[in-house]
Amino acid sequence: MNYEWIISVGLAATLIVVILVLVAIIIYQRWRIGDQNVFIERFIRQNEELRQKLKNAGII
């Protein structure tokens, strides 16, 4: 049996698996960052609302 063929198929399969893992990591990180942005947006919105309430009350 030709060992070069076996090695090349094994390397190709390894390369495909590595690429798929990297794509999965990228998708997961984008999902995490998007999830964190929702909380940051909510925090900023609440901060602005509280600042507006303080301004209306004449505290600042």
C-alpha atoms as a PDB file:
ATOM      1  CA  MET A   1       0.000   0.000   0.000  1.00  0.00           C
ATOM      2  CA  ASN A   2       1.189   3.483  -0.778  1.00  0.00           C
ATOM      3  CA  TYR A   3       2.130   5.241   2.477  1.00  0.00           C
ATOM      4  CA  GLU A   4       2.312   8.667   0.829  1.00  0.00           C
ATOM      5  CA  TRP A   5      -1.370   8.424  -0.011  1.00  0.00           C
ATOM      6  CA  ILE A   6      -2.263   7.476   3.573  1.00  0.00           C
ATOM      7  CA  ILE A   7      -0.184  10.329   5.010  1.00  0.00           C
ATOM      8  CA  SER A   8      -1.663  12.894   2.601  1.00  0.00           C
ATOM      9  CA  VAL A   9      -5.241  11.820   3.393  1.00  0.00           C
ATOM     10  CA  GLY A  10      -4.476  11.951   7.110  1.00  0.00           C
ATOM     11  CA  LEU A  11      -2.978  15.433   6.823  1.00  0.00           C
ATOM     12  CA  ALA A  12      -5.912  16.646   4.748  1.00  0.00           C
ATOM     13  CA  ALA A  13      -8.383  15.309   7.317  1.00  0.00           C
ATOM     14  CA  THR A  14      -6.408  16.961  10.128  1.00  0.00           C
ATOM     15  CA  LEU A  15      -6.359  20.262   8.272  1.00  0.00           C
ATOM     16  CA  ILE A  16     -10.120  20.132   7.722  1.00  0.00           C
ATOM     17  CA  VAL A  17     -10.735  19.403  11.411  1.00  0.00           C
ATOM     18  CA  VAL A  18      -8.450  22.272  12.480  1.00  0.00           C
ATOM     19  CA  ILE A  19     -10.236  24.695  10.139  1.00  0.00           C
ATOM     20  CA  LEU A  20     -13.653  23.600  11.426  1.00  0.00           C
ATOM     21  CA  VAL A  21     -12.512  24.061  15.037  1.00  0.00           C
ATOM     22  CA  LEU A  22     -11.215  27.554  14.258  1.00  0.00           C
ATOM     23  CA  VAL A  23     -14.500  28.491  12.568  1.00  0.00           C
ATOM     24  CA  ALA A  24     -16.425  27.195  15.593  1.00  0.00           C
ATOM     25  CA  ILE A  25     -14.228  29.260  17.930  1.00  0.00           C
ATOM     26  CA  ILE A  26     -14.785  32.394  15.837  1.00  0.00           C
ATOM     27  CA  ILE A  27     -18.558  31.883  15.828  1.00  0.00           C
ATOM     28  CA  TYR A  28     -18.586  31.290  19.598  1.00  0.00           C
ATOM     29  CA  GLN A  29     -16.510  34.409  20.291  1.00  0.00           C
ATOM     30  CA  ARG A  30     -18.753  36.571  18.105  1.00  0.00           C
ATOM     31  CA  TRP A  31     -21.796  35.220  19.959  1.00  0.00           C
ATOM     32  CA  ARG A  32     -20.189  36.012  23.344  1.00  0.00           C
ATOM     33  CA  ILE A  33     -19.222  39.537  22.290  1.00  0.00           C
ATOM     34  CA  GLY A  34     -22.731  40.165  20.953  1.00  0.00           C
ATOM     35  CA  ASP A  35     -24.220  38.910  24.209  1.00  0.00           C
ATOM     36  CA  GLN A  36     -21.975  41.216  26.230  1.00  0.00           C
ATOM     37  CA  ASN A  37     -22.909  44.175  24.047  1.00  0.00           C
ATOM     38  CA  VAL A  38     -26.556  43.727  25.013  1.00  0.00           C
ATOM     39  CA  PHE A  39     -25.673  44.088  28.705  1.00  0.00           C
ATOM     40  CA  ILE A  40     -23.425  47.079  28.050  1.00  0.00           C
ATOM     41  CA  GLU A  41     -26.193  48.752  26.018  1.00  0.00           C
ATOM     42  CA  ARG A  42     -28.701  48.145  28.825  1.00  0.00           C
ATOM     43  CA  PHE A  43     -26.259  49.549  31.405  1.00  0.00           C
ATOM     44  CA  ILE A  44     -25.636  52.700  29.337  1.00  0.00           C
ATOM     45  CA  ARG A  45     -29.370  53.217  28.777  1.00  0.00           C
ATOM     46  CA  GLN A  46     -30.122  52.892  32.503  1.00  0.00           C
ATOM     47  CA  ASN A  47     -27.249  55.230  33.324  1.00  0.00           C
ATOM     48  CA  GLU A  48     -28.630  57.864  30.937  1.00  0.00           C
ATOM     49  CA  GLU A  49     -32.124  57.486  32.416  1.00  0.00           C
ATOM     50  CA  LEU A  50     -30.774  57.957  35.947  1.00  0.00           C
ATOM     51  CA  ARG A  51     -28.708  60.949  34.837  1.00  0.00           C
ATOM     52  CA  GLN A  52     -31.798  62.501  33.255  1.00  0.00           C
ATOM     53  CA  LYS A  53     -33.800  61.911  36.469  1.00  0.00           C
ATOM     54  CA  LEU A  54     -31.050  63.562  38.516  1.00  0.00           C
ATOM     55  CA  LYS A  55     -30.961  66.499  36.111  1.00  0.00           C
ATOM     56  CA  ASN A  56     -34.749  66.875  36.304  1.00  0.00           C
ATOM     57  CA  ALA A  57     -34.562  66.770  40.120  1.00  0.00           C
ATOM     58  CA  GLY A  58     -31.950  69.563  40.050  1.00  0.00           C
ATOM     59  CA  ILE A  59     -29.244  67.495  41.725  1.00  0.00           C
ATOM     60  CA  ILE A  60     -26.769  67.860  38.870  1.00  0.00           C
END
